[in-house]
Amino acid sequence: MYSITMSDSKTGSHSGLPQSADPETLLLRIAQDRDREALAQLFSLLGTRVKAMMLKLGASDAIAEDMVQETFLAVWRKAHLYSTDRGAASTWIFTIARNLRIDQFRRQSNKPYEDLETVTIESAEPNGSVMVEQRQVIARVTDALKTLSAEQQEVVRLSFLYDLPHAQIAERIGIPLGTVKSRLRLAYERLRPMLEDLQ
């Protein structure tokens, strides 16, 4: 499996394009040419921001690093699916990252060990303490969401459950894009201290 590092981004330019090529151009190079240098440049451009988002979503530093790697490997595999109709390339990449974190959270909180083929499980059935812990996690998340205002709950639901880009959320509920981003930011800030230990 190809592993991305910051040093990969220092290998020079490709096809006459500078290292500072925009994310859309880099994604196009990955999709059309399977250009690993473009992936490394994209990683250099957005990797730190993806990690910061993971930390805001409650991941530890080590988990955040792993999730950044998973994000850009997913970008490598899915680059051909990107379209400008889906919004900015950076938004598309952050959506992939967020969905990977949500999937990981679901595996940890509701379905332990799911999809981890290398893990040996002594029993396929969770014991009583695990089931109690799962119910407690679900209850905590549910209670935390209830602390949000109705407006914040709406944008969180559309963003996380329906996977809508911010622009589509704004259009759907008829509010400015800046208001969508503001409500999501406030929601994250409120939820983080209540859920940051669920890793």
C-alpha atoms as a PDB file:
ATOM      1  CA  MET A   1       0.000   0.000   0.000  1.00  0.00           C
ATOM      2  CA  TYR A   2       1.312   3.435  -0.893  1.00  0.00           C
ATOM      3  CA  SER A   3       2.086   5.524   2.165  1.00  0.00           C
ATOM      4  CA  ILE A   4       2.143   9.299   1.856  1.00  0.00           C
ATOM      5  CA  THR A   5       4.677  11.430   3.695  1.00  0.00           C
ATOM      6  CA  MET A   6       5.452  15.108   3.671  1.00  0.00           C
ATOM      7  CA  SER A   7       8.784  14.356   1.984  1.00  0.00           C
ATOM      8  CA  ASP A   8       6.962  12.893  -1.020  1.00  0.00           C
ATOM      9  CA  SER A   9       5.886  16.417  -1.955  1.00  0.00           C
ATOM     10  CA  LYS A  10       9.446  17.578  -2.610  1.00  0.00           C
ATOM     11  CA  THR A  11      10.081  15.547  -5.738  1.00  0.00           C
ATOM     12  CA  GLY A  12       9.636  18.401  -8.186  1.00  0.00           C
ATOM     13  CA  SER A  13       6.944  19.286 -10.710  1.00  0.00           C
ATOM     14  CA  HIS A  14       5.070  17.214 -13.270  1.00  0.00           C
ATOM     15  CA  SER A  15       3.821  18.125 -16.714  1.00  0.00           C
ATOM     16  CA  GLY A  16       5.134  21.652 -16.264  1.00  0.00           C
ATOM     17  CA  LEU A  17       2.773  22.344 -13.361  1.00  0.00           C
ATOM     18  CA  PRO A  18       4.196  24.005 -10.238  1.00  0.00           C
ATOM     19  CA  GLN A  19       4.040  22.430  -6.800  1.00  0.00           C
ATOM     20  CA  SER A  20       1.486  25.052  -5.833  1.00  0.00           C
ATOM     21  CA  ALA A  21      -1.111  23.616  -8.257  1.00  0.00           C
ATOM     22  CA  ASP A  22      -4.637  23.959  -6.909  1.00  0.00           C
ATOM     23  CA  PRO A  23      -6.416  20.907  -5.421  1.00  0.00           C
ATOM     24  CA  GLU A  24      -8.719  20.535  -8.437  1.00  0.00           C
ATOM     25  CA  THR A  25      -5.729  20.322 -10.808  1.00  0.00           C
ATOM     26  CA  LEU A  26      -3.968  17.833  -8.538  1.00  0.00           C
ATOM     27  CA  LEU A  27      -7.078  15.657  -8.302  1.00  0.00           C
ATOM     28  CA  LEU A  28      -7.360  15.686 -12.096  1.00  0.00           C
ATOM     29  CA  ARG A  29      -3.757  14.519 -12.396  1.00  0.00           C
ATOM     30  CA  ILE A  30      -4.426  11.711  -9.927  1.00  0.00           C
ATOM     31  CA  ALA A  31      -7.622  10.650 -11.691  1.00  0.00           C
ATOM     32  CA  GLN A  32      -6.247  10.757 -15.235  1.00  0.00           C
ATOM     33  CA  ASP A  33      -2.570   9.847 -14.798  1.00  0.00           C
ATOM     34  CA  ARG A  34      -2.454   8.053 -11.426  1.00  0.00           C
ATOM     35  CA  ASP A  35       0.142  10.685 -10.576  1.00  0.00           C
ATOM     36  CA  ARG A  36       1.663   9.879  -7.185  1.00  0.00           C
ATOM     37  CA  GLU A  37       3.525  13.165  -7.091  1.00  0.00           C
ATOM     38  CA  ALA A  38       0.205  14.997  -7.395  1.00  0.00           C
ATOM     39  CA  LEU A  39      -1.084  12.946  -4.444  1.00  0.00           C
ATOM     40  CA  ALA A  40       1.982  13.897  -2.404  1.00  0.00           C
ATOM     41  CA  GLN A  41       1.465  17.578  -3.288  1.00  0.00           C
ATOM     42  CA  LEU A  42      -2.194  17.323  -2.307  1.00  0.00           C
ATOM     43  CA  PHE A  43      -1.140  15.718   0.967  1.00  0.00           C
ATOM     44  CA  SER A  44       1.337  18.527   1.586  1.00  0.00           C
ATOM     45  CA  LEU A  45      -1.339  21.101   0.788  1.00  0.00           C
ATOM     46  CA  LEU A  46      -4.208  19.683   2.863  1.00  0.00           C
ATOM     47  CA  GLY A  47      -2.804  17.006   5.185  1.00  0.00           C
ATOM     48  CA  THR A  48      -2.305  19.328   8.139  1.00  0.00           C
ATOM     49  CA  ARG A  49      -5.849  20.680   7.820  1.00  0.00           C
ATOM     50  CA  VAL A  50      -7.314  17.163   7.597  1.00  0.00           C
ATOM     51  CA  LYS A  51      -5.427  16.205  10.768  1.00  0.00           C
ATOM     52  CA  ALA A  52      -6.705  19.326  12.529  1.00  0.00           C
ATOM     53  CA  MET A  53     -10.256  18.360  11.569  1.00  0.00           C
ATOM     54  CA  MET A  54      -9.719  14.839  12.947  1.00  0.00           C
ATOM     55  CA  LEU A  55      -8.495  16.282  16.234  1.00  0.00           C
ATOM     56  CA  LYS A  56     -11.587  18.506  16.380  1.00  0.00           C
ATOM     57  CA  LEU A  57     -13.721  15.404  15.821  1.00  0.00           C
ATOM     58  CA  GLY A  58     -12.222  13.869  18.957  1.00  0.00           C
ATOM     59  CA  ALA A  59      -9.420  11.693  17.571  1.00  0.00           C
ATOM     60  CA  SER A  60      -6.160  11.302  19.477  1.00  0.00           C
ATOM     61  CA  ASP A  61      -2.985  12.494  17.777  1.00  0.00           C
ATOM     62  CA  ALA A  62      -2.022   8.953  16.729  1.00  0.00           C
ATOM     63  CA  ILE A  63      -5.492   8.153  15.415  1.00  0.00           C
ATOM     64  CA  ALA A  64      -5.620  11.493  13.594  1.00  0.00           C
ATOM     65  CA  GLU A  65      -2.338  10.633  11.820  1.00  0.00           C
ATOM     66  CA  ASP A  66      -3.735   7.248  10.772  1.00  0.00           C
ATOM     67  CA  MET A  67      -6.960   8.829   9.570  1.00  0.00           C
ATOM     68  CA  VAL A  68      -5.026  11.326   7.439  1.00  0.00           C
ATOM     69  CA  GLN A  69      -3.261   8.419   5.733  1.00  0.00           C
ATOM     70  CA  GLU A  70      -6.588   6.636   5.193  1.00  0.00           C
ATOM     71  CA  THR A  71      -8.110   9.808   3.795  1.00  0.00           C
ATOM     72  CA  PHE A  72      -5.482  10.319   1.125  1.00  0.00           C
ATOM     73  CA  LEU A  73      -5.405   6.642   0.200  1.00  0.00           C
ATOM     74  CA  ALA A  74      -9.178   6.939  -0.314  1.00  0.00           C
ATOM     75  CA  VAL A  75      -8.580  10.063  -2.417  1.00  0.00           C
ATOM     76  CA  TRP A  76      -6.117   8.042  -4.510  1.00  0.00           C
ATOM     77  CA  ARG A  77      -8.719   5.328  -5.079  1.00  0.00           C
ATOM     78  CA  LYS A  78     -11.703   7.637  -5.625  1.00  0.00           C
ATOM     79  CA  ALA A  79     -10.175  10.578  -7.505  1.00  0.00           C
ATOM     80  CA  HIS A  80     -11.972   9.525 -10.700  1.00  0.00           C
ATOM     81  CA  LEU A  81     -15.309  10.090  -8.916  1.00  0.00           C
ATOM     82  CA  TYR A  82     -14.653  13.759  -8.201  1.00  0.00           C
ATOM     83  CA  SER A  83     -16.565  16.346 -10.180  1.00  0.00           C
ATOM     84  CA  THR A  84     -16.607  20.110  -9.792  1.00  0.00           C
ATOM     85  CA  ASP A  85     -20.387  19.726  -9.458  1.00  0.00           C
ATOM     86  CA  ARG A  86     -19.684  18.248  -6.021  1.00  0.00           C
ATOM     87  CA  GLY A  87     -18.075  21.487  -4.889  1.00  0.00           C
ATOM     88  CA  ALA A  88     -14.475  22.464  -4.215  1.00  0.00           C
ATOM     89  CA  ALA A  89     -11.894  19.676  -4.256  1.00  0.00           C
ATOM     90  CA  SER A  90     -10.873  20.495  -0.686  1.00  0.00           C
ATOM     91  CA  THR A  91     -14.495  20.188   0.473  1.00  0.00           C
ATOM     92  CA  TRP A  92     -14.771  16.814  -1.273  1.00  0.00           C
ATOM     93  CA  ILE A  93     -11.608  15.606   0.478  1.00  0.00           C
ATOM     94  CA  PHE A  94     -12.757  16.857   3.888  1.00  0.00           C
ATOM     95  CA  THR A  95     -16.049  15.019   3.345  1.00  0.00           C
ATOM     96  CA  ILE A  96     -14.137  11.786   2.715  1.00  0.00           C
ATOM     97  CA  ALA A  97     -12.111  12.401   5.886  1.00  0.00           C
ATOM     98  CA  ARG A  98     -15.176  13.141   7.977  1.00  0.00           C
ATOM     99  CA  ASN A  99     -16.980  10.031   6.701  1.00  0.00           C
ATOM    100  CA  LEU A 100     -13.963   7.851   7.501  1.00  0.00           C
ATOM    101  CA  ARG A 101     -13.935   9.239  11.050  1.00  0.00           C
ATOM    102  CA  ILE A 102     -17.678   8.611  11.405  1.00  0.00           C
ATOM    103  CA  ASP A 103     -17.238   5.036  10.127  1.00  0.00           C
ATOM    104  CA  GLN A 104     -14.430   4.478  12.610  1.00  0.00           C
ATOM    105  CA  PHE A 105     -16.516   5.927  15.437  1.00  0.00           C
ATOM    106  CA  ARG A 106     -19.419   3.636  14.535  1.00  0.00           C
ATOM    107  CA  ARG A 107     -17.136   0.605  14.529  1.00  0.00           C
ATOM    108  CA  GLN A 108     -15.761   1.552  17.921  1.00  0.00           C
ATOM    109  CA  SER A 109     -19.041   2.498  19.568  1.00  0.00           C
ATOM    110  CA  ASN A 110     -21.673   0.253  17.984  1.00  0.00           C
ATOM    111  CA  LYS A 111     -19.948  -2.568  16.118  1.00  0.00           C
ATOM    112  CA  PRO A 112     -16.593  -3.414  17.696  1.00  0.00           C
ATOM    113  CA  TYR A 113     -13.995  -4.927  15.352  1.00  0.00           C
ATOM    114  CA  GLU A 114     -16.227  -4.764  12.282  1.00  0.00           C
ATOM    115  CA  ASP A 115     -14.265  -4.848   9.012  1.00  0.00           C
ATOM    116  CA  LEU A 116     -10.961  -5.423  10.817  1.00  0.00           C
ATOM    117  CA  GLU A 117     -10.013  -8.698   9.162  1.00  0.00           C
ATOM    118  CA  THR A 118      -6.684  -9.091  10.956  1.00  0.00           C
ATOM    119  CA  VAL A 119      -8.214  -8.961  14.435  1.00  0.00           C
ATOM    120  CA  THR A 120      -8.848 -12.273  16.192  1.00  0.00           C
ATOM    121  CA  ILE A 121     -12.083 -12.199  18.137  1.00  0.00           C
ATOM    122  CA  GLU A 122     -12.625 -14.742  20.883  1.00  0.00           C
ATOM    123  CA  SER A 123     -16.382 -14.504  20.621  1.00  0.00           C
ATOM    124  CA  ALA A 124     -18.631 -13.008  17.984  1.00  0.00           C
ATOM    125  CA  GLU A 125     -21.156 -12.026  20.639  1.00  0.00           C
ATOM    126  CA  PRO A 126     -20.459  -8.981  22.783  1.00  0.00           C
ATOM    127  CA  ASN A 127     -20.439  -9.667  26.505  1.00  0.00           C
ATOM    128  CA  GLY A 128     -22.740  -7.876  28.904  1.00  0.00           C
ATOM    129  CA  SER A 129     -20.276  -5.134  29.828  1.00  0.00           C
ATOM    130  CA  VAL A 130     -19.627  -4.313  26.150  1.00  0.00           C
ATOM    131  CA  MET A 131     -23.357  -4.051  25.444  1.00  0.00           C
ATOM    132  CA  VAL A 132     -23.832  -1.770  28.425  1.00  0.00           C
ATOM    133  CA  GLU A 133     -20.949   0.408  27.233  1.00  0.00           C
ATOM    134  CA  GLN A 134     -22.443   0.593  23.741  1.00  0.00           C
ATOM    135  CA  ARG A 135     -25.804   1.714  25.111  1.00  0.00           C
ATOM    136  CA  GLN A 136     -24.068   4.320  27.249  1.00  0.00           C
ATOM    137  CA  VAL A 137     -22.191   5.697  24.214  1.00  0.00           C
ATOM    138  CA  ILE A 138     -25.385   5.893  22.139  1.00  0.00           C
ATOM    139  CA  ALA A 139     -27.188   7.597  25.016  1.00  0.00           C
ATOM    140  CA  ARG A 140     -24.366  10.115  25.437  1.00  0.00           C
ATOM    141  CA  VAL A 141     -24.323  10.995  21.744  1.00  0.00           C
ATOM    142  CA  THR A 142     -28.118  11.318  21.688  1.00  0.00           C
ATOM    143  CA  ASP A 143     -28.130  13.524  24.785  1.00  0.00           C
ATOM    144  CA  ALA A 144     -25.298  15.653  23.398  1.00  0.00           C
ATOM    145  CA  LEU A 145     -27.190  16.285  20.163  1.00  0.00           C
ATOM    146  CA  LYS A 146     -30.227  17.362  22.171  1.00  0.00           C
ATOM    147  CA  THR A 147     -28.189  20.202  23.671  1.00  0.00           C
ATOM    148  CA  LEU A 148     -27.923  21.821  20.245  1.00  0.00           C
ATOM    149  CA  SER A 149     -30.435  24.331  19.041  1.00  0.00           C
ATOM    150  CA  ALA A 150     -32.987  23.158  16.473  1.00  0.00           C
ATOM    151  CA  GLU A 151     -31.119  25.119  13.790  1.00  0.00           C
ATOM    152  CA  GLN A 152     -27.807  23.470  14.687  1.00  0.00           C
ATOM    153  CA  GLN A 153     -29.384  20.004  14.803  1.00  0.00           C
ATOM    154  CA  GLU A 154     -30.770  20.556  11.318  1.00  0.00           C
ATOM    155  CA  VAL A 155     -27.428  21.437   9.706  1.00  0.00           C
ATOM    156  CA  VAL A 156     -25.629  18.630  11.574  1.00  0.00           C
ATOM    157  CA  ARG A 157     -28.243  16.137  10.376  1.00  0.00           C
ATOM    158  CA  LEU A 158     -27.998  17.280   6.757  1.00  0.00           C
ATOM    159  CA  SER A 159     -24.198  17.345   6.879  1.00  0.00           C
ATOM    160  CA  PHE A 160     -23.550  14.029   8.642  1.00  0.00           C
ATOM    161  CA  LEU A 161     -26.572  11.840   7.876  1.00  0.00           C
ATOM    162  CA  TYR A 162     -27.318  13.052   4.358  1.00  0.00           C
ATOM    163  CA  ASP A 163     -23.700  13.928   3.470  1.00  0.00           C
ATOM    164  CA  LEU A 164     -24.725  17.206   1.823  1.00  0.00           C
ATOM    165  CA  PRO A 165     -22.078  19.826   0.980  1.00  0.00           C
ATOM    166  CA  HIS A 166     -22.428  23.094   2.849  1.00  0.00           C
ATOM    167  CA  ALA A 167     -23.616  24.905  -0.282  1.00  0.00           C
ATOM    168  CA  GLN A 168     -26.454  22.418  -0.810  1.00  0.00           C
ATOM    169  CA  ILE A 169     -27.473  22.692   2.847  1.00  0.00           C
ATOM    170  CA  ALA A 170     -27.644  26.468   2.482  1.00  0.00           C
ATOM    171  CA  GLU A 171     -29.776  26.144  -0.645  1.00  0.00           C
ATOM    172  CA  ARG A 172     -32.011  23.471   0.838  1.00  0.00           C
ATOM    173  CA  ILE A 173     -32.963  25.367   3.990  1.00  0.00           C
ATOM    174  CA  GLY A 174     -32.673  28.831   2.488  1.00  0.00           C
ATOM    175  CA  ILE A 175     -29.928  30.405   4.565  1.00  0.00           C
ATOM    176  CA  PRO A 176     -26.550  31.952   3.628  1.00  0.00           C
ATOM    177  CA  LEU A 177     -23.572  29.621   3.262  1.00  0.00           C
ATOM    178  CA  GLY A 178     -21.763  31.511   6.002  1.00  0.00           C
ATOM    179  CA  THR A 179     -24.638  30.809   8.383  1.00  0.00           C
ATOM    180  CA  VAL A 180     -24.410  27.062   7.645  1.00  0.00           C
ATOM    181  CA  LYS A 181     -20.684  27.071   8.420  1.00  0.00           C
ATOM    182  CA  SER A 182     -21.216  29.123  11.552  1.00  0.00           C
ATOM    183  CA  ARG A 183     -23.920  26.796  12.883  1.00  0.00           C
ATOM    184  CA  LEU A 184     -21.768  23.716  12.217  1.00  0.00           C
ATOM    185  CA  ARG A 185     -18.755  25.316  13.886  1.00  0.00           C
ATOM    186  CA  LEU A 186     -20.793  26.214  16.969  1.00  0.00           C
ATOM    187  CA  ALA A 187     -22.269  22.707  17.043  1.00  0.00           C
ATOM    188  CA  TYR A 188     -18.807  21.103  16.895  1.00  0.00           C
ATOM    189  CA  GLU A 189     -17.545  23.388  19.645  1.00  0.00           C
ATOM    190  CA  ARG A 190     -20.470  22.414  21.864  1.00  0.00           C
ATOM    191  CA  LEU A 191     -20.265  18.672  21.146  1.00  0.00           C
ATOM    192  CA  ARG A 192     -16.513  18.260  21.381  1.00  0.00           C
ATOM    193  CA  PRO A 193     -16.069  18.621  25.173  1.00  0.00           C
ATOM    194  CA  MET A 194     -18.977  16.242  25.749  1.00  0.00           C
ATOM    195  CA  LEU A 195     -17.782  13.521  23.357  1.00  0.00           C
ATOM    196  CA  GLU A 196     -14.008  13.972  22.986  1.00  0.00           C
ATOM    197  CA  ASP A 197     -13.249  10.946  25.200  1.00  0.00           C
ATOM    198  CA  LEU A 198     -15.179   8.576  22.921  1.00  0.00           C
ATOM    199  CA  GLN A 199     -12.161   7.317  20.950  1.00  0.00           C
END
